[in-house]
PDB file of N, CA and C in Angstrom:
ATOM      1  N   MET A   1     -87.846-108.244  67.551  1.00  0.00           N
ATOM      2  CA  MET A   1     -89.289-108.455  67.755  1.00  0.00           C
ATOM      3  C   MET A   1     -90.174-106.977  66.986  1.00  0.00           C
ATOM      4  N   THR A   2     -90.777-108.294  66.388  1.00  0.00           N
ATOM      5  CA  THR A   2     -92.202-108.105  65.541  1.00  0.00           C
ATOM      6  C   THR A   2     -93.192-106.852  66.193  1.00  0.00           C
ATOM      7  N   ALA A   3     -93.923-106.244  65.809  1.00  0.00           N
ATOM      8  CA  ALA A   3     -95.169-105.351  66.669  1.00  0.00           C
ATOM      9  C   ALA A   3     -95.944-106.953  66.607  1.00  0.00           C
ATOM     10  N   GLU A   4     -96.172-107.862  66.292  1.00  0.00           N
ATOM     11  CA  GLU A   4     -97.127-108.752  66.558  1.00  0.00           C
ATOM     12  C   GLU A   4     -96.202-109.774  67.386  1.00  0.00           C
ATOM     13  N   GLN A   5     -95.405-109.963  67.689  1.00  0.00           N
ATOM     14  CA  GLN A   5     -94.293-110.804  68.549  1.00  0.00           C
ATOM     15  C   GLN A   5     -94.739-109.603  70.049  1.00  0.00           C
ATOM     16  N   ILE A   6     -94.213-108.669  69.982  1.00  0.00           N
ATOM     17  CA  ILE A   6     -94.717-107.808  70.761  1.00  0.00           C
ATOM     18  C   ILE A   6     -95.999-107.914  71.428  1.00  0.00           C
ATOM     19  N   ALA A   7     -96.839-107.761  71.112  1.00  0.00           N
ATOM     20  CA  ALA A   7     -98.627-107.965  71.549  1.00  0.00           C
ATOM     21  C   ALA A   7     -98.745-109.499  72.011  1.00  0.00           C
ATOM     22  N   GLN A   8     -98.461-110.474  71.461  1.00  0.00           N
ATOM     23  CA  GLN A   8     -98.626-111.931  71.481  1.00  0.00           C
ATOM     24  C   GLN A   8     -97.815-111.300  73.056  1.00  0.00           C
ATOM     25  N   VAL A   9     -96.446-111.610  73.258  1.00  0.00           N
ATOM     26  CA  VAL A   9     -96.179-112.023  74.024  1.00  0.00           C
ATOM     27  C   VAL A   9     -96.475-110.817  75.494  1.00  0.00           C
ATOM     28  N   GLN A  10     -96.585-109.353  75.307  1.00  0.00           N
ATOM     29  CA  GLN A  10     -97.271-109.117  75.819  1.00  0.00           C
ATOM     30  C   GLN A  10     -98.678-109.446  76.471  1.00  0.00           C
ATOM     31  N   ALA A  11     -99.405-110.159  75.651  1.00  0.00           N
ATOM     32  CA  ALA A  11    -100.541-110.391  75.868  1.00  0.00           C
ATOM     33  C   ALA A  11    -100.713-111.777  77.073  1.00  0.00           C
ATOM     34  N   TYR A  12     -99.529-112.555  76.664  1.00  0.00           N
ATOM     35  CA  TYR A  12     -99.448-113.796  77.591  1.00  0.00           C
ATOM     36  C   TYR A  12     -98.751-113.393  79.048  1.00  0.00           C
ATOM     37  N   LEU A  13     -97.946-112.154  79.451  1.00  0.00           N
ATOM     38  CA  LEU A  13     -97.036-112.358  80.045  1.00  0.00           C
ATOM     39  C   LEU A  13     -98.465-111.657  80.750  1.00  0.00           C
ATOM     40  N   LYS A  14     -99.210-110.257  81.044  1.00  0.00           N
ATOM     41  CA  LYS A  14    -100.367-109.861  81.287  1.00  0.00           C
ATOM     42  C   LYS A  14    -101.055-110.923  82.389  1.00  0.00           C
ATOM     43  N   LYS A  15    -102.082-111.743  80.908  1.00  0.00           N
ATOM     44  CA  LYS A  15    -103.198-112.589  81.827  1.00  0.00           C
ATOM     45  C   LYS A  15    -101.696-113.408  82.596  1.00  0.00           C
ATOM     46  N   ARG A  16    -100.296-114.080  82.596  1.00  0.00           N
ATOM     47  CA  ARG A  16     -99.598-115.100  83.568  1.00  0.00           C
ATOM     48  C   ARG A  16     -99.800-114.479  85.029  1.00  0.00           C
ATOM     49  N   LEU A  17     -98.856-113.341  84.758  1.00  0.00           N
ATOM     50  CA  LEU A  17     -99.103-112.080  85.806  1.00  0.00           C
ATOM     51  C   LEU A  17     -99.922-112.051  86.259  1.00  0.00           C
ATOM     52  N   GLY A  18    -101.227-111.912  86.006  1.00  0.00           N
ATOM     53  CA  GLY A  18    -102.648-111.208  86.407  1.00  0.00           C
ATOM     54  C   GLY A  18    -102.504-109.918  86.695  1.00  0.00           C
ATOM     55  N   THR A  19    -101.815-109.249  85.643  1.00  0.00           N
ATOM     56  CA  THR A  19    -101.967-107.805  85.653  1.00  0.00           C
ATOM     57  C   THR A  19    -102.357-106.793  83.809  1.00  0.00           C
ATOM     58  N   GLU A  20    -102.598-105.784  84.425  1.00  0.00           N
ATOM     59  CA  GLU A  20    -102.709-104.981  82.993  1.00  0.00           C
ATOM     60  C   GLU A  20    -101.960-104.011  82.653  1.00  0.00           C
ATOM     61  N   LYS A  21    -101.391-104.201  84.471  1.00  0.00           N
ATOM     62  CA  LYS A  21    -100.462-102.700  84.162  1.00  0.00           C
ATOM     63  C   LYS A  21     -98.966-103.257  83.609  1.00  0.00           C
ATOM     64  N   LEU A  22     -98.493-103.983  83.050  1.00  0.00           N
ATOM     65  CA  LEU A  22     -97.130-104.618  82.043  1.00  0.00           C
ATOM     66  C   LEU A  22     -97.201-104.074  80.828  1.00  0.00           C
ATOM     67  N   THR A  23     -96.843-103.729  80.779  1.00  0.00           N
ATOM     68  CA  THR A  23     -96.064-102.925  79.116  1.00  0.00           C
ATOM     69  C   THR A  23     -94.365-103.233  78.295  1.00  0.00           C
ATOM     70  N   ILE A  24     -94.549-103.493  77.362  1.00  0.00           N
ATOM     71  CA  ILE A  24     -93.532-103.757  76.328  1.00  0.00           C
ATOM     72  C   ILE A  24     -92.961-102.465  76.029  1.00  0.00           C
ATOM     73  N   SER A  25     -91.885-102.340  75.441  1.00  0.00           N
ATOM     74  CA  SER A  25     -91.482-101.236  74.934  1.00  0.00           C
ATOM     75  C   SER A  25     -90.311-101.727  73.789  1.00  0.00           C
ATOM     76  N   PRO A  26     -90.103-101.158  72.381  1.00  0.00           N
ATOM     77  CA  PRO A  26     -89.199-101.472  71.805  1.00  0.00           C
ATOM     78  C   PRO A  26     -88.041-100.991  72.039  1.00  0.00           C
ATOM     79  N   ARG A  27     -86.563-101.747  72.048  1.00  0.00           N
ATOM     80  CA  ARG A  27     -85.632-101.038  72.293  1.00  0.00           C
ATOM     81  C   ARG A  27     -84.749-100.870  70.438  1.00  0.00           C
ATOM     82  N   LYS A  28     -83.769-100.488  70.491  1.00  0.00           N
ATOM     83  CA  LYS A  28     -82.934-100.326  69.736  1.00  0.00           C
ATOM     84  C   LYS A  28     -82.304-101.176  68.679  1.00  0.00           C
ATOM     85  N   VAL A  29     -82.397-101.949  69.516  1.00  0.00           N
ATOM     86  CA  VAL A  29     -81.956-103.581  69.140  1.00  0.00           C
ATOM     87  C   VAL A  29     -82.868-104.316  68.835  1.00  0.00           C
ATOM     88  N   ALA A  30     -82.820-104.727  67.925  1.00  0.00           N
ATOM     89  CA  ALA A  30     -83.998-105.982  67.159  1.00  0.00           C
ATOM     90  C   ALA A  30     -84.483-106.845  67.931  1.00  0.00           C
ATOM     91  N   ASP A  31     -83.545-107.597  68.820  1.00  0.00           N
ATOM     92  CA  ASP A  31     -83.985-108.916  69.420  1.00  0.00           C
ATOM     93  C   ASP A  31     -84.242-109.181  71.061  1.00  0.00           C
ATOM     94  N   SER A  32     -84.445-107.689  71.068  1.00  0.00           N
ATOM     95  CA  SER A  32     -84.968-107.666  72.791  1.00  0.00           C
ATOM     96  C   SER A  32     -85.595-106.509  72.499  1.00  0.00           C
ATOM     97  N   VAL A  33     -86.634-106.592  73.987  1.00  0.00           N
ATOM     98  CA  VAL A  33     -87.967-105.593  74.422  1.00  0.00           C
ATOM     99  C   VAL A  33     -87.477-105.095  75.642  1.00  0.00           C
ATOM    100  N   GLU A  34     -87.862-104.254  76.398  1.00  0.00           N
ATOM    101  CA  GLU A  34     -87.836-103.277  77.684  1.00  0.00           C
ATOM    102  C   GLU A  34     -89.407-103.773  78.455  1.00  0.00           C
ATOM    103  N   VAL A  35     -89.624-104.649  79.144  1.00  0.00           N
ATOM    104  CA  VAL A  35     -90.484-104.700  79.769  1.00  0.00           C
ATOM    105  C   VAL A  35     -90.986-103.892  80.848  1.00  0.00           C
ATOM    106  N   TYR A  36     -91.874-103.101  81.153  1.00  0.00           N
ATOM    107  CA  TYR A  36     -91.984-102.338  82.357  1.00  0.00           C
ATOM    108  C   TYR A  36     -93.226-102.754  82.930  1.00  0.00           C
ATOM    109  N   LEU A  37     -93.431-102.136  84.227  1.00  0.00           N
ATOM    110  CA  LEU A  37     -94.449-102.533  85.247  1.00  0.00           C
ATOM    111  C   LEU A  37     -94.735-101.836  86.400  1.00  0.00           C
ATOM    112  N   ASP A  38     -95.995-100.982  86.264  1.00  0.00           N
ATOM    113  CA  ASP A  38     -96.221-100.047  86.694  1.00  0.00           C
ATOM    114  C   ASP A  38     -94.835 -98.499  86.003  1.00  0.00           C
ATOM    115  N   ASP A  39     -95.088 -98.586  84.931  1.00  0.00           N
ATOM    116  CA  ASP A  39     -93.677 -97.180  84.668  1.00  0.00           C
ATOM    117  C   ASP A  39     -92.568 -97.386  84.780  1.00  0.00           C
ATOM    118  N   GLU A  40     -91.738 -98.660  85.676  1.00  0.00           N
ATOM    119  CA  GLU A  40     -90.874 -99.088  86.259  1.00  0.00           C
ATOM    120  C   GLU A  40     -90.332 -99.900  85.545  1.00  0.00           C
ATOM    121  N   ILE A  41     -89.227-100.277  85.048  1.00  0.00           N
ATOM    122  CA  ILE A  41     -88.486-101.225  84.175  1.00  0.00           C
ATOM    123  C   ILE A  41     -88.194-102.099  84.794  1.00  0.00           C
ATOM    124  N   LEU A  42     -88.612-103.463  84.715  1.00  0.00           N
ATOM    125  CA  LEU A  42     -88.605-104.808  85.307  1.00  0.00           C
ATOM    126  C   LEU A  42     -87.754-105.773  84.639  1.00  0.00           C
ATOM    127  N   GLY A  43     -87.343-105.871  83.550  1.00  0.00           N
ATOM    128  CA  GLY A  43     -86.646-106.287  83.003  1.00  0.00           C
ATOM    129  C   GLY A  43     -86.562-106.742  81.752  1.00  0.00           C
ATOM    130  N   ILE A  44     -85.567-107.267  80.880  1.00  0.00           N
ATOM    131  CA  ILE A  44     -85.464-107.106  79.220  1.00  0.00           C
ATOM    132  C   ILE A  44     -85.609-108.224  78.616  1.00  0.00           C
ATOM    133  N   LEU A  45     -86.071-108.530  77.376  1.00  0.00           N
ATOM    134  CA  LEU A  45     -86.700-109.680  76.886  1.00  0.00           C
ATOM    135  C   LEU A  45     -86.710-109.992  75.387  1.00  0.00           C
ATOM    136  N   TYR A  46     -85.507-111.149  75.684  1.00  0.00           N
ATOM    137  CA  TYR A  46     -84.750-111.379  74.342  1.00  0.00           C
ATOM    138  C   TYR A  46     -85.574-112.311  73.449  1.00  0.00           C
ATOM    139  N   ILE A  47     -85.460-112.618  72.640  1.00  0.00           N
ATOM    140  CA  ILE A  47     -86.019-113.092  71.602  1.00  0.00           C
ATOM    141  C   ILE A  47     -85.073-114.550  71.040  1.00  0.00           C
ATOM    142  N   ASP A  48     -85.076-115.285  70.758  1.00  0.00           N
ATOM    143  CA  ASP A  48     -84.116-116.691  70.212  1.00  0.00           C
ATOM    144  C   ASP A  48     -85.269-116.869  69.128  1.00  0.00           C
ATOM    145  N   ASP A  49     -85.144-116.109  67.516  1.00  0.00           N
ATOM    146  CA  ASP A  49     -85.414-116.856  66.724  1.00  0.00           C
ATOM    147  C   ASP A  49     -84.359-117.727  65.478  1.00  0.00           C
ATOM    148  N   GLU A  50     -83.126-118.062  66.166  1.00  0.00           N
ATOM    149  CA  GLU A  50     -82.088-118.564  65.764  1.00  0.00           C
ATOM    150  C   GLU A  50     -82.901-119.970  64.115  1.00  0.00           C
ATOM    151  N   ASP A  51     -83.363-121.141  65.313  1.00  0.00           N
ATOM    152  CA  ASP A  51     -84.523-122.164  64.608  1.00  0.00           C
ATOM    153  C   ASP A  51     -85.519-121.040  64.306  1.00  0.00           C
ATOM    154  N   LYS A  52     -85.536-121.453  63.659  1.00  0.00           N
ATOM    155  CA  LYS A  52     -87.213-120.813  63.108  1.00  0.00           C
ATOM    156  C   LYS A  52     -88.373-121.464  63.449  1.00  0.00           C
ATOM    157  N   ASP A  53     -88.219-122.599  63.594  1.00  0.00           N
ATOM    158  CA  ASP A  53     -89.833-123.359  63.881  1.00  0.00           C
ATOM    159  C   ASP A  53     -89.418-123.496  65.347  1.00  0.00           C
ATOM    160  N   ASP A  54     -88.775-122.954  66.084  1.00  0.00           N
ATOM    161  CA  ASP A  54     -88.410-123.047  67.601  1.00  0.00           C
ATOM    162  C   ASP A  54     -88.371-121.819  68.248  1.00  0.00           C
ATOM    163  N   ILE A  55     -89.250-120.860  67.998  1.00  0.00           N
ATOM    164  CA  ILE A  55     -88.705-119.652  68.517  1.00  0.00           C
ATOM    165  C   ILE A  55     -89.048-119.587  70.040  1.00  0.00           C
ATOM    166  N   SER A  56     -88.456-118.693  71.237  1.00  0.00           N
ATOM    167  CA  SER A  56     -88.160-118.404  72.076  1.00  0.00           C
ATOM    168  C   SER A  56     -87.927-117.542  73.021  1.00  0.00           C
ATOM    169  N   TYR A  57     -88.865-117.245  74.301  1.00  0.00           N
ATOM    170  CA  TYR A  57     -88.712-115.767  74.905  1.00  0.00           C
ATOM    171  C   TYR A  57     -88.042-116.111  76.318  1.00  0.00           C
ATOM    172  N   ASP A  58     -86.613-115.276  76.638  1.00  0.00           N
ATOM    173  CA  ASP A  58     -85.995-115.451  77.712  1.00  0.00           C
ATOM    174  C   ASP A  58     -86.357-113.605  78.126  1.00  0.00           C
ATOM    175  N   LEU A  59     -86.637-113.609  79.378  1.00  0.00           N
ATOM    176  CA  LEU A  59     -87.191-112.206  80.218  1.00  0.00           C
ATOM    177  C   LEU A  59     -86.375-112.603  81.381  1.00  0.00           C
ATOM    178  N   ASN A  60     -85.056-111.674  81.312  1.00  0.00           N
ATOM    179  CA  ASN A  60     -84.063-111.400  81.976  1.00  0.00           C
ATOM    180  C   ASN A  60     -84.992-109.888  83.201  1.00  0.00           C
ATOM    181  N   ILE A  61     -84.623-110.216  84.802  1.00  0.00           N
ATOM    182  CA  ILE A  61     -85.224-109.558  85.642  1.00  0.00           C
ATOM    183  C   ILE A  61     -84.251-108.950  86.423  1.00  0.00           C
ATOM    184  N   SER A  62     -83.645-108.138  87.482  1.00  0.00           N
ATOM    185  CA  SER A  62     -82.831-107.508  87.618  1.00  0.00           C
ATOM    186  C   SER A  62     -83.073-107.265  89.111  1.00  0.00           C
ATOM    187  N   ILE A  63     -82.541-107.581  90.089  1.00  0.00           N
ATOM    188  CA  ILE A  63     -82.836-107.549  91.613  1.00  0.00           C
ATOM    189  C   ILE A  63     -81.926-106.371  91.928  1.00  0.00           C
ATOM    190  N   LEU A  64     -81.693-105.459  92.367  1.00  0.00           N
ATOM    191  CA  LEU A  64     -80.635-104.868  93.441  1.00  0.00           C
ATOM    192  C   LEU A  64     -80.842-105.094  94.376  1.00  0.00           C
ATOM    193  N   GLN A  65     -79.758-105.031  95.750  1.00  0.00           N
ATOM    194  CA  GLN A  65     -79.804-105.256  96.972  1.00  0.00           C
ATOM    195  C   GLN A  65     -80.334-104.039  97.234  1.00  0.00           C
ATOM    196  N   GLN A  66     -80.554-102.801  96.432  1.00  0.00           N
ATOM    197  CA  GLN A  66     -81.142-101.545  97.508  1.00  0.00           C
ATOM    198  C   GLN A  66     -82.360-101.343  97.483  1.00  0.00           C
ATOM    199  N   ASP A  67     -82.696-102.287  96.154  1.00  0.00           N
ATOM    200  CA  ASP A  67     -84.362-101.942  96.830  1.00  0.00           C
ATOM    201  C   ASP A  67     -84.732-102.972  97.380  1.00  0.00           C
ATOM    202  N   LEU A  68     -84.110-104.458  97.908  1.00  0.00           N
ATOM    203  CA  LEU A  68     -84.673-105.374  98.740  1.00  0.00           C
ATOM    204  C   LEU A  68     -84.732-104.903  99.962  1.00  0.00           C
ATOM    205  N   ASP A  69     -83.513-103.827 100.058  1.00  0.00           N
ATOM    206  CA  ASP A  69     -83.194-102.932 101.756  1.00  0.00           C
ATOM    207  C   ASP A  69     -84.039-101.915 101.576  1.00  0.00           C
ATOM    208  N   GLU A  70     -85.035-101.584 100.993  1.00  0.00           N
ATOM    209  CA  GLU A  70     -85.792-100.620 100.951  1.00  0.00           C
ATOM    210  C   GLU A  70     -87.616-100.862 101.317  1.00  0.00           C
ATOM    211  N   MET A  71     -86.839-102.556 101.350  1.00  0.00           N
ATOM    212  CA  MET A  71     -88.994-103.164 101.943  1.00  0.00           C
ATOM    213  C   MET A  71     -89.190-103.264 102.846  1.00  0.00           C
TER     214      MET A  71
END
Protein backbone atom coordinates (compact mmCIF):
# COMPACT_ATOMS: atom_id res chain seq x y z
CA MET A 1 0.00 0.00 0.00
CA THR A 2 1.19 3.50 -0.73
CA ALA A 3 1.59 6.16 1.94
CA GLU A 4 -1.38 8.01 0.40
CA GLN A 5 -3.61 4.92 0.58
CA ILE A 6 -2.59 4.30 4.19
CA ALA A 7 -3.41 7.91 5.12
CA GLN A 8 -6.81 7.74 3.39
CA VAL A 9 -7.79 4.46 5.02
CA GLN A 10 -6.55 5.61 8.43
CA ALA A 11 -8.59 8.83 8.22
CA TYR A 12 -11.66 6.85 7.15
CA LEU A 13 -11.35 4.33 9.98
CA LYS A 14 -10.76 7.05 12.60
CA LYS A 15 -13.91 8.85 11.48
CA ARG A 16 -16.00 5.69 11.04
CA LEU A 17 -14.96 4.17 14.37
CA GLY A 18 -15.04 7.50 16.20
CA THR A 19 -11.52 7.41 17.63
CA GLU A 20 -8.25 9.23 17.09
CA LYS A 21 -6.38 6.40 18.85
CA LEU A 22 -6.24 4.29 15.69
CA THR A 23 -2.98 4.05 13.75
CA ILE A 24 -1.84 2.08 10.73
CA SER A 25 1.70 0.75 10.28
CA PRO A 26 3.21 -0.72 7.11
CA ARG A 27 4.34 -4.33 7.06
CA LYS A 28 7.18 -5.96 5.13
CA VAL A 29 4.66 -7.25 2.59
CA ALA A 30 3.22 -4.61 0.28
CA ASP A 31 -0.37 -5.89 0.19
CA SER A 32 -1.22 -5.27 3.85
CA VAL A 33 -0.75 -3.08 6.91
CA GLU A 34 -1.25 -3.50 10.65
CA VAL A 35 -4.07 -1.61 12.33
CA TYR A 36 -3.54 -0.57 15.96
CA LEU A 37 -5.89 0.79 18.61
CA ASP A 38 -4.23 2.23 21.70
CA ASP A 39 -0.88 0.64 20.73
CA GLU A 40 -2.47 -2.83 20.61
CA ILE A 41 -2.84 -4.61 17.29
CA LEU A 42 -6.46 -4.67 16.21
CA GLY A 43 -6.05 -6.49 12.92
CA ILE A 44 -4.51 -6.71 9.48
CA LEU A 45 -5.86 -4.66 6.59
CA TYR A 46 -5.36 -6.05 3.08
CA ILE A 47 -5.68 -4.21 -0.22
CA ASP A 48 -7.27 -5.85 -3.24
CA ASP A 49 -5.99 -3.87 -6.20
CA GLU A 50 -5.99 -6.60 -8.81
CA ASP A 51 -8.52 -4.57 -10.80
CA LYS A 52 -7.00 -1.05 -10.76
CA ASP A 53 -10.43 0.51 -11.34
CA ASP A 54 -12.04 -1.28 -8.40
CA ILE A 55 -9.77 -1.15 -5.32
CA SER A 56 -11.10 -2.50 -2.04
CA TYR A 57 -9.74 -3.05 1.47
CA ASP A 58 -10.40 -5.96 3.81
CA LEU A 59 -9.89 -5.57 7.57
CA ASN A 60 -9.36 -8.89 9.39
CA ILE A 61 -9.78 -8.78 13.16
CA SER A 62 -8.96 -11.81 15.29
CA ILE A 63 -10.51 -12.09 18.74
CA LEU A 64 -8.97 -14.59 21.13
CA GLN A 65 -11.19 -16.51 23.52
CA GLN A 66 -8.67 -15.62 26.23
CA ASP A 67 -9.43 -11.93 25.70
CA LEU A 68 -13.16 -12.57 26.00
CA ASP A 69 -12.67 -14.54 29.19
CA GLU A 70 -10.80 -11.61 30.77
CA MET A 71 -13.76 -9.26 30.35
